[in-house]
Amino acid sequence: MSTENLNHVEAIQKIKELSEKAKICMFCTELDTIPVNSRPMGLQETDDEGNLWFISSEASNKNFEIKEDKRVQLFFMNNSDSQYLSVYGDASIYKDKSTIEDKWSPMANAWFDGKDDPNVSIIRVEPKETYYWDTKAGKLVSLFSFVAAAITGKKTDNSDGVEGNATV
């Protein structure tokens, strides 16, 4: 299996492509606790900067856990195309009306009394380290700190490459 590092634009495009195609991920919090807390979450969108957006209840354990520790891990699987995505990043919770309006989906009405429900919150995950496996193409690809570099204008150092093996 080959390894390939993608640049910022390619990395963001790949995260957007894989996450939006899979749509559902295992959203993990309390990463220092074993076992980590995880639950399936539906992705609302991956924006043009690589941030991943979710709708969540303000009263959920996930939100409480993010308030204590913003580090999260997301695992997306697209088995039909043999594509897998792992995103480690920092989560932020938004309660403002403009963000809720922008990210709202009618599907969320199954859990909330509309977008004005006081429990509606939006979670943004800013990727820090991201990996994807495209087993059909035979590649393991790593994407490191590209969002932070894209925002700050600082160069990333991908000289460490990817450690470990991916067994398919």
N, C-alpha and C. Protein backbone atom coordinates (compact mmCIF):
# COMPACT_ATOMS: atom_id res chain seq x y z
N MET A 1 0.85 -1.17 0.00
CA MET A 1 0.00 0.00 0.00
C MET A 1 0.90 1.23 0.00
N SER A 2 0.65 2.17 -0.88
CA SER A 2 1.48 3.37 -0.96
C SER A 2 0.95 4.45 -0.03
N THR A 3 1.81 5.40 0.28
CA THR A 3 1.46 6.53 1.13
C THR A 3 1.63 7.80 0.34
N GLU A 4 0.70 8.73 0.52
CA GLU A 4 0.74 9.99 -0.22
C GLU A 4 0.27 11.11 0.68
N ASN A 5 1.01 12.22 0.70
CA ASN A 5 0.59 13.41 1.44
C ASN A 5 -0.04 14.39 0.45
N LEU A 6 -1.18 14.94 0.83
CA LEU A 6 -1.86 15.88 -0.04
C LEU A 6 -1.62 17.30 0.45
N ASN A 7 -1.61 18.26 -0.50
CA ASN A 7 -1.47 19.66 -0.10
C ASN A 7 -2.81 20.17 0.41
N HIS A 8 -2.83 21.42 0.83
CA HIS A 8 -4.01 21.99 1.47
C HIS A 8 -5.27 21.89 0.63
N VAL A 9 -5.21 22.33 -0.61
CA VAL A 9 -6.40 22.33 -1.46
C VAL A 9 -6.85 20.91 -1.74
N GLU A 10 -5.92 20.03 -2.11
CA GLU A 10 -6.26 18.63 -2.37
C GLU A 10 -6.80 17.96 -1.12
N ALA A 11 -6.20 18.26 0.03
CA ALA A 11 -6.62 17.66 1.29
C ALA A 11 -8.06 18.06 1.64
N ILE A 12 -8.36 19.33 1.52
CA ILE A 12 -9.71 19.81 1.81
C ILE A 12 -10.71 19.17 0.85
N GLN A 13 -10.36 19.11 -0.42
CA GLN A 13 -11.26 18.49 -1.40
C GLN A 13 -11.51 17.03 -1.07
N LYS A 14 -10.47 16.32 -0.64
CA LYS A 14 -10.62 14.89 -0.32
C LYS A 14 -11.47 14.69 0.93
N ILE A 15 -11.26 15.51 1.96
CA ILE A 15 -12.09 15.41 3.16
C ILE A 15 -13.55 15.68 2.82
N LYS A 16 -13.79 16.73 2.04
CA LYS A 16 -15.16 17.09 1.65
C LYS A 16 -15.79 15.94 0.86
N GLU A 17 -15.07 15.41 -0.10
CA GLU A 17 -15.59 14.33 -0.93
C GLU A 17 -15.94 13.10 -0.10
N LEU A 18 -15.01 12.64 0.73
CA LEU A 18 -15.22 11.40 1.48
C LEU A 18 -16.26 11.56 2.60
N SER A 19 -16.21 12.67 3.32
CA SER A 19 -17.14 12.85 4.44
C SER A 19 -18.57 13.05 3.94
N GLU A 20 -18.74 13.85 2.88
CA GLU A 20 -20.09 14.10 2.38
C GLU A 20 -20.68 12.89 1.67
N LYS A 21 -19.83 12.04 1.13
CA LYS A 21 -20.33 10.82 0.50
C LYS A 21 -20.77 9.81 1.57
N ALA A 22 -20.01 9.70 2.65
CA ALA A 22 -20.35 8.78 3.73
C ALA A 22 -21.53 9.31 4.55
N LYS A 23 -21.57 10.59 4.83
CA LYS A 23 -22.62 11.32 5.56
C LYS A 23 -22.73 10.99 7.05
N ILE A 24 -22.47 9.77 7.45
CA ILE A 24 -22.59 9.37 8.86
C ILE A 24 -21.19 9.01 9.36
N CYS A 25 -20.90 9.43 10.59
CA CYS A 25 -19.62 9.06 11.20
C CYS A 25 -19.85 8.59 12.62
N MET A 26 -18.86 7.95 13.17
CA MET A 26 -18.83 7.71 14.61
C MET A 26 -18.10 8.91 15.19
N PHE A 27 -18.78 9.64 16.06
CA PHE A 27 -18.30 10.89 16.64
C PHE A 27 -17.83 10.56 18.05
N CYS A 28 -16.52 10.64 18.30
CA CYS A 28 -15.93 10.21 19.56
C CYS A 28 -15.46 11.39 20.40
N THR A 29 -15.78 11.34 21.69
CA THR A 29 -15.38 12.36 22.65
C THR A 29 -14.68 11.68 23.82
N GLU A 30 -14.19 12.50 24.76
CA GLU A 30 -13.48 12.00 25.93
C GLU A 30 -12.39 11.02 25.51
N LEU A 31 -11.48 11.51 24.69
CA LEU A 31 -10.47 10.65 24.08
C LEU A 31 -9.47 10.08 25.07
N ASP A 32 -9.38 10.66 26.28
CA ASP A 32 -8.48 10.12 27.31
C ASP A 32 -9.13 9.00 28.12
N THR A 33 -10.42 8.77 27.92
CA THR A 33 -11.16 7.74 28.65
C THR A 33 -11.23 6.48 27.82
N ILE A 34 -11.06 5.34 28.48
CA ILE A 34 -11.18 4.07 27.77
C ILE A 34 -12.35 3.31 28.36
N PRO A 35 -13.29 2.90 27.56
CA PRO A 35 -13.39 3.18 26.13
C PRO A 35 -13.86 4.62 25.90
N VAL A 36 -13.50 5.16 24.74
CA VAL A 36 -13.95 6.51 24.39
C VAL A 36 -15.46 6.47 24.15
N ASN A 37 -16.10 7.60 24.38
CA ASN A 37 -17.53 7.70 24.10
C ASN A 37 -17.70 7.95 22.61
N SER A 38 -18.56 7.18 21.98
CA SER A 38 -18.80 7.37 20.55
C SER A 38 -20.27 7.16 20.25
N ARG A 39 -20.71 7.85 19.22
CA ARG A 39 -22.09 7.74 18.78
C ARG A 39 -22.16 8.12 17.31
N PRO A 40 -23.14 7.54 16.57
CA PRO A 40 -23.27 7.92 15.16
C PRO A 40 -23.85 9.33 15.06
N MET A 41 -23.30 10.10 14.13
CA MET A 41 -23.77 11.46 13.88
C MET A 41 -23.86 11.69 12.38
N GLY A 42 -24.89 12.41 11.97
CA GLY A 42 -25.06 12.77 10.57
C GLY A 42 -24.37 14.09 10.28
N LEU A 43 -23.53 14.10 9.29
CA LEU A 43 -22.82 15.31 8.86
C LEU A 43 -23.78 16.24 8.13
N GLN A 44 -23.75 17.52 8.47
CA GLN A 44 -24.54 18.51 7.73
C GLN A 44 -23.79 18.95 6.48
N GLU A 45 -22.51 19.28 6.66
CA GLU A 45 -21.69 19.67 5.52
C GLU A 45 -20.23 19.72 5.93
N THR A 46 -19.37 19.66 4.93
CA THR A 46 -17.96 19.97 5.09
C THR A 46 -17.74 21.22 4.26
N ASP A 47 -17.30 22.29 4.91
CA ASP A 47 -17.19 23.57 4.20
C ASP A 47 -15.91 23.65 3.37
N ASP A 48 -15.75 24.75 2.67
CA ASP A 48 -14.61 24.91 1.76
C ASP A 48 -13.28 25.10 2.49
N GLU A 49 -13.30 25.20 3.81
CA GLU A 49 -12.08 25.28 4.60
C GLU A 49 -11.76 23.96 5.27
N GLY A 50 -12.62 22.95 5.04
CA GLY A 50 -12.39 21.62 5.61
C GLY A 50 -13.05 21.39 6.95
N ASN A 51 -13.78 22.37 7.49
CA ASN A 51 -14.50 22.19 8.76
C ASN A 51 -15.71 21.31 8.54
N LEU A 52 -16.00 20.45 9.51
CA LEU A 52 -17.14 19.55 9.45
C LEU A 52 -18.20 20.05 10.42
N TRP A 53 -19.46 20.11 9.97
CA TRP A 53 -20.55 20.71 10.73
C TRP A 53 -21.64 19.69 11.04
N PHE A 54 -22.15 19.74 12.29
CA PHE A 54 -23.17 18.83 12.78
C PHE A 54 -24.23 19.60 13.57
N ILE A 55 -25.45 19.07 13.60
CA ILE A 55 -26.50 19.60 14.47
C ILE A 55 -26.58 18.68 15.68
N SER A 56 -26.65 19.28 16.87
CA SER A 56 -26.64 18.49 18.10
C SER A 56 -27.52 19.15 19.15
N SER A 57 -27.99 18.35 20.09
CA SER A 57 -28.75 18.90 21.21
C SER A 57 -27.81 19.49 22.25
N GLU A 58 -28.14 20.69 22.68
CA GLU A 58 -27.36 21.35 23.74
C GLU A 58 -27.35 20.50 25.01
N ALA A 59 -28.37 19.67 25.20
CA ALA A 59 -28.49 18.86 26.41
C ALA A 59 -27.84 17.48 26.27
N SER A 60 -27.18 17.21 25.14
CA SER A 60 -26.59 15.88 24.93
C SER A 60 -25.30 15.71 25.72
N ASN A 61 -24.99 14.46 26.02
CA ASN A 61 -23.71 14.15 26.68
C ASN A 61 -22.54 14.64 25.83
N LYS A 62 -22.68 14.50 24.52
CA LYS A 62 -21.61 14.92 23.60
C LYS A 62 -21.28 16.39 23.81
N ASN A 63 -22.30 17.23 23.89
CA ASN A 63 -22.05 18.66 24.09
C ASN A 63 -21.37 18.93 25.43
N PHE A 64 -21.84 18.26 26.49
CA PHE A 64 -21.20 18.42 27.79
C PHE A 64 -19.73 17.99 27.74
N GLU A 65 -19.47 16.89 27.05
CA GLU A 65 -18.10 16.37 26.95
C GLU A 65 -17.21 17.31 26.15
N ILE A 66 -17.74 17.90 25.09
CA ILE A 66 -16.97 18.85 24.28
C ILE A 66 -16.63 20.10 25.10
N LYS A 67 -17.55 20.52 25.96
CA LYS A 67 -17.28 21.70 26.81
C LYS A 67 -16.12 21.44 27.76
N GLU A 68 -15.93 20.17 28.16
CA GLU A 68 -14.83 19.79 29.05
C GLU A 68 -13.53 19.56 28.29
N ASP A 69 -13.63 19.03 27.07
CA ASP A 69 -12.45 18.71 26.26
C ASP A 69 -12.86 18.77 24.80
N LYS A 70 -12.35 19.75 24.08
CA LYS A 70 -12.79 19.99 22.70
C LYS A 70 -12.22 19.01 21.68
N ARG A 71 -11.29 18.14 22.10
CA ARG A 71 -10.69 17.17 21.17
C ARG A 71 -11.68 16.07 20.83
N VAL A 72 -11.85 15.80 19.53
CA VAL A 72 -12.76 14.76 19.07
C VAL A 72 -12.10 13.96 17.96
N GLN A 73 -12.64 12.78 17.72
CA GLN A 73 -12.19 11.92 16.63
C GLN A 73 -13.43 11.47 15.88
N LEU A 74 -13.40 11.58 14.56
CA LEU A 74 -14.51 11.18 13.71
C LEU A 74 -14.05 10.06 12.79
N PHE A 75 -14.89 9.05 12.62
CA PHE A 75 -14.59 7.93 11.72
C PHE A 75 -15.72 7.78 10.72
N PHE A 76 -15.41 8.02 9.45
CA PHE A 76 -16.37 7.86 8.36
C PHE A 76 -16.04 6.59 7.59
N MET A 77 -17.08 5.87 7.18
CA MET A 77 -16.88 4.65 6.38
C MET A 77 -17.79 4.69 5.16
N ASN A 78 -17.21 4.44 4.02
CA ASN A 78 -17.99 4.27 2.80
C ASN A 78 -17.59 2.90 2.26
N ASN A 79 -18.22 1.88 2.79
CA ASN A 79 -17.85 0.51 2.44
C ASN A 79 -18.07 0.19 0.97
N SER A 80 -19.11 0.77 0.36
CA SER A 80 -19.41 0.43 -1.03
C SER A 80 -18.28 0.84 -1.97
N ASP A 81 -17.55 1.89 -1.62
CA ASP A 81 -16.42 2.34 -2.44
C ASP A 81 -15.07 2.06 -1.78
N SER A 82 -15.08 1.31 -0.66
CA SER A 82 -13.85 0.97 0.07
C SER A 82 -13.04 2.22 0.42
N GLN A 83 -13.73 3.23 0.95
CA GLN A 83 -13.08 4.47 1.36
C GLN A 83 -13.38 4.72 2.83
N TYR A 84 -12.35 5.15 3.56
CA TYR A 84 -12.45 5.35 5.00
C TYR A 84 -11.72 6.63 5.36
N LEU A 85 -12.28 7.37 6.32
CA LEU A 85 -11.72 8.66 6.70
C LEU A 85 -11.70 8.77 8.21
N SER A 86 -10.56 9.18 8.75
CA SER A 86 -10.42 9.43 10.19
C SER A 86 -10.02 10.89 10.36
N VAL A 87 -10.78 11.61 11.18
CA VAL A 87 -10.51 13.03 11.42
C VAL A 87 -10.34 13.25 12.91
N TYR A 88 -9.18 13.77 13.30
CA TYR A 88 -8.93 14.20 14.68
C TYR A 88 -8.93 15.71 14.66
N GLY A 89 -9.68 16.33 15.57
CA GLY A 89 -9.72 17.79 15.55
C GLY A 89 -10.33 18.38 16.80
N ASP A 90 -10.55 19.69 16.74
CA ASP A 90 -11.13 20.43 17.85
C ASP A 90 -12.57 20.81 17.51
N ALA A 91 -13.47 20.57 18.46
CA ALA A 91 -14.88 20.88 18.27
C ALA A 91 -15.24 22.18 18.97
N SER A 92 -16.10 22.95 18.34
CA SER A 92 -16.65 24.18 18.92
C SER A 92 -18.17 24.11 18.81
N ILE A 93 -18.86 24.63 19.82
CA ILE A 93 -20.32 24.60 19.85
C ILE A 93 -20.85 26.01 19.60
N TYR A 94 -21.83 26.11 18.71
CA TYR A 94 -22.45 27.40 18.37
C TYR A 94 -23.93 27.36 18.72
N LYS A 95 -24.41 28.45 19.30
CA LYS A 95 -25.83 28.58 19.65
C LYS A 95 -26.46 29.81 18.98
N ASP A 96 -25.67 30.58 18.23
CA ASP A 96 -26.21 31.80 17.64
C ASP A 96 -27.16 31.49 16.50
N LYS A 97 -28.16 32.34 16.34
CA LYS A 97 -29.23 32.13 15.35
C LYS A 97 -28.70 32.07 13.92
N SER A 98 -27.70 32.88 13.60
CA SER A 98 -27.22 32.90 12.21
C SER A 98 -26.55 31.58 11.84
N THR A 99 -25.77 30.99 12.75
CA THR A 99 -25.13 29.70 12.47
C THR A 99 -26.18 28.60 12.39
N ILE A 100 -27.14 28.61 13.30
CA ILE A 100 -28.22 27.61 13.26
C ILE A 100 -29.00 27.74 11.96
N GLU A 101 -29.32 28.95 11.57
CA GLU A 101 -30.06 29.18 10.31
C GLU A 101 -29.26 28.65 9.12
N ASP A 102 -27.95 28.93 9.12
CA ASP A 102 -27.08 28.54 8.01
C ASP A 102 -26.93 27.02 7.89
N LYS A 103 -26.86 26.32 9.02
CA LYS A 103 -26.58 24.88 9.02
C LYS A 103 -27.81 24.01 9.20
N TRP A 104 -28.98 24.61 9.39
CA TRP A 104 -30.20 23.84 9.66
C TRP A 104 -30.58 22.96 8.49
N SER A 105 -31.12 21.80 8.82
CA SER A 105 -31.65 20.87 7.83
C SER A 105 -33.05 20.46 8.27
N PRO A 106 -34.01 20.38 7.35
CA PRO A 106 -35.35 19.91 7.73
C PRO A 106 -35.34 18.53 8.38
N MET A 107 -34.32 17.72 8.08
CA MET A 107 -34.21 16.39 8.70
C MET A 107 -34.08 16.50 10.23
N ALA A 108 -33.55 17.61 10.72
CA ALA A 108 -33.35 17.80 12.16
C ALA A 108 -34.67 17.95 12.90
N ASN A 109 -35.76 18.19 12.17
CA ASN A 109 -37.08 18.29 12.82
C ASN A 109 -37.48 16.98 13.50
N ALA A 110 -36.85 15.88 13.14
CA ALA A 110 -37.11 14.61 13.79
C ALA A 110 -36.64 14.63 15.25
N TRP A 111 -35.69 15.50 15.58
CA TRP A 111 -35.13 15.57 16.93
C TRP A 111 -35.48 16.87 17.66
N PHE A 112 -35.84 17.89 16.92
CA PHE A 112 -36.07 19.21 17.50
C PHE A 112 -37.42 19.78 17.07
N ASP A 113 -37.92 20.74 17.83
CA ASP A 113 -39.14 21.47 17.47
C ASP A 113 -38.76 22.67 16.61
N GLY A 114 -38.15 22.39 15.48
CA GLY A 114 -37.73 23.44 14.55
C GLY A 114 -36.43 24.09 14.98
N LYS A 115 -35.94 24.98 14.14
CA LYS A 115 -34.64 25.62 14.39
C LYS A 115 -34.66 26.60 15.55
N ASP A 116 -35.86 26.96 16.04
CA ASP A 116 -35.96 27.86 17.20
C ASP A 116 -36.00 27.10 18.52
N ASP A 117 -35.95 25.78 18.46
CA ASP A 117 -35.90 24.96 19.67
C ASP A 117 -34.68 25.39 20.48
N PRO A 118 -34.84 25.69 21.78
CA PRO A 118 -33.70 26.16 22.58
C PRO A 118 -32.58 25.13 22.75
N ASN A 119 -32.85 23.86 22.45
CA ASN A 119 -31.81 22.83 22.59
C ASN A 119 -30.95 22.68 21.35
N VAL A 120 -31.28 23.36 20.26
CA VAL A 120 -30.50 23.23 19.03
C VAL A 120 -29.13 23.88 19.22
N SER A 121 -28.10 23.13 18.86
CA SER A 121 -26.75 23.69 18.79
C SER A 121 -26.08 23.15 17.54
N ILE A 122 -25.06 23.84 17.13
CA ILE A 122 -24.29 23.44 15.95
C ILE A 122 -22.86 23.16 16.42
N ILE A 123 -22.31 22.05 15.96
CA ILE A 123 -20.92 21.70 16.29
C ILE A 123 -20.08 21.82 15.03
N ARG A 124 -18.96 22.52 15.16
CA ARG A 124 -17.98 22.60 14.07
C ARG A 124 -16.73 21.86 14.54
N VAL A 125 -16.25 20.95 13.68
CA VAL A 125 -15.00 20.25 13.97
C VAL A 125 -13.94 20.76 12.99
N GLU A 126 -12.89 21.32 13.56
CA GLU A 126 -11.75 21.81 12.77
C GLU A 126 -10.68 20.71 12.77
N PRO A 127 -10.44 20.09 11.62
CA PRO A 127 -9.46 19.00 11.58
C PRO A 127 -8.04 19.44 11.93
N LYS A 128 -7.36 18.59 12.67
CA LYS A 128 -5.94 18.81 13.00
C LYS A 128 -5.07 17.76 12.32
N GLU A 129 -5.48 16.50 12.39
CA GLU A 129 -4.80 15.41 11.70
C GLU A 129 -5.86 14.54 11.06
N THR A 130 -5.67 14.24 9.81
CA THR A 130 -6.67 13.49 9.07
C THR A 130 -6.00 12.44 8.22
N TYR A 131 -6.60 11.26 8.18
CA TYR A 131 -6.10 10.17 7.37
C TYR A 131 -7.25 9.62 6.55
N TYR A 132 -6.92 9.16 5.34
CA TYR A 132 -7.94 8.40 4.62
C TYR A 132 -7.30 7.21 3.96
N TRP A 133 -8.13 6.20 3.78
CA TRP A 133 -7.71 4.98 3.13
C TRP A 133 -8.59 4.78 1.91
N ASP A 134 -7.96 4.65 0.78
CA ASP A 134 -8.69 4.36 -0.45
C ASP A 134 -8.15 3.02 -0.91
N THR A 135 -8.80 1.95 -0.49
CA THR A 135 -8.24 0.62 -0.74
C THR A 135 -8.36 0.20 -2.19
N LYS A 136 -9.33 0.76 -2.93
CA LYS A 136 -9.43 0.43 -4.35
C LYS A 136 -8.23 0.98 -5.11
N ALA A 137 -7.76 2.15 -4.71
CA ALA A 137 -6.60 2.75 -5.37
C ALA A 137 -5.30 2.26 -4.74
N GLY A 138 -5.40 1.55 -3.60
CA GLY A 138 -4.21 1.03 -2.93
C GLY A 138 -3.37 2.10 -2.28
N LYS A 139 -4.02 3.14 -1.74
CA LYS A 139 -3.26 4.24 -1.15
C LYS A 139 -3.72 4.49 0.28
N LEU A 140 -2.77 4.78 1.14
CA LEU A 140 -3.04 5.31 2.47
C LEU A 140 -2.53 6.74 2.43
N VAL A 141 -3.40 7.68 2.67
CA VAL A 141 -3.03 9.08 2.49
C VAL A 141 -3.17 9.81 3.81
N SER A 142 -2.20 10.64 4.15
CA SER A 142 -2.28 11.42 5.37
C SER A 142 -2.39 12.89 5.05
N LEU A 143 -3.20 13.56 5.85
CA LEU A 143 -3.39 14.99 5.71
C LEU A 143 -3.13 15.58 7.09
N PHE A 144 -2.09 16.38 7.24
CA PHE A 144 -1.73 16.90 8.55
C PHE A 144 -1.94 18.40 8.65
N SER A 145 -2.61 18.83 9.66
CA SER A 145 -2.70 20.23 10.07
C SER A 145 -2.93 21.20 8.93
N PHE A 146 -3.58 20.77 7.88
CA PHE A 146 -3.74 21.64 6.72
C PHE A 146 -4.69 22.78 6.98
N VAL A 147 -5.71 22.57 7.79
CA VAL A 147 -6.67 23.64 8.03
C VAL A 147 -6.02 24.76 8.83
N ALA A 148 -5.30 24.39 9.88
CA ALA A 148 -4.63 25.42 10.68
C ALA A 148 -3.64 26.19 9.82
N ALA A 149 -2.91 25.50 8.96
CA ALA A 149 -1.95 26.17 8.09
C ALA A 149 -2.66 27.06 7.08
N ALA A 150 -3.78 26.59 6.57
CA ALA A 150 -4.52 27.39 5.59
C ALA A 150 -5.04 28.67 6.23
N ILE A 151 -5.48 28.58 7.48
CA ILE A 151 -6.03 29.74 8.16
C ILE A 151 -4.93 30.71 8.59
N THR A 152 -3.84 30.17 9.16
CA THR A 152 -2.78 31.03 9.70
C THR A 152 -1.77 31.45 8.65
N GLY A 153 -1.72 30.75 7.53
CA GLY A 153 -0.74 31.06 6.50
C GLY A 153 0.62 30.43 6.77
N LYS A 154 0.74 29.69 7.88
CA LYS A 154 2.01 29.02 8.21
C LYS A 154 2.11 27.73 7.43
N LYS A 155 3.33 27.34 7.12
CA LYS A 155 3.58 26.08 6.42
C LYS A 155 3.45 24.92 7.39
N THR A 156 3.00 23.78 6.88
CA THR A 156 2.96 22.58 7.71
C THR A 156 4.23 21.78 7.49
N ASP A 157 4.54 20.95 8.46
CA ASP A 157 5.70 20.07 8.35
C ASP A 157 5.19 18.64 8.29
N ASN A 158 5.14 18.10 7.10
CA ASN A 158 4.67 16.73 6.92
C ASN A 158 5.83 15.74 6.82
N SER A 159 6.99 16.14 7.32
CA SER A 159 8.18 15.29 7.16
C SER A 159 8.07 13.98 7.92
N ASP A 160 7.22 13.91 8.97
CA ASP A 160 7.09 12.68 9.73
C ASP A 160 6.34 11.60 8.96
N GLY A 161 5.54 12.00 7.99
CA GLY A 161 4.77 11.03 7.21
C GLY A 161 3.74 10.33 8.06
N VAL A 162 3.40 9.09 7.69
CA VAL A 162 2.41 8.29 8.38
C VAL A 162 3.12 7.14 9.09
N GLU A 163 2.80 6.94 10.37
CA GLU A 163 3.37 5.82 11.10
C GLU A 163 2.34 4.71 11.20
N GLY A 164 2.75 3.48 11.19
CA GLY A 164 1.86 2.36 11.35
C GLY A 164 1.43 1.76 10.02
N ASN A 165 0.64 0.73 10.09
CA ASN A 165 0.18 0.02 8.92
C ASN A 165 -1.33 0.05 8.86
N ALA A 166 -1.86 0.00 7.66
CA ALA A 166 -3.29 -0.18 7.46
C ALA A 166 -3.47 -1.53 6.79
N THR A 167 -4.13 -2.43 7.46
CA THR A 167 -4.35 -3.75 6.91
C THR A 167 -5.78 -3.84 6.39
N VAL A 168 -5.92 -4.22 5.15
CA VAL A 168 -7.26 -4.31 4.57
C VAL A 168 -7.64 -5.77 4.44
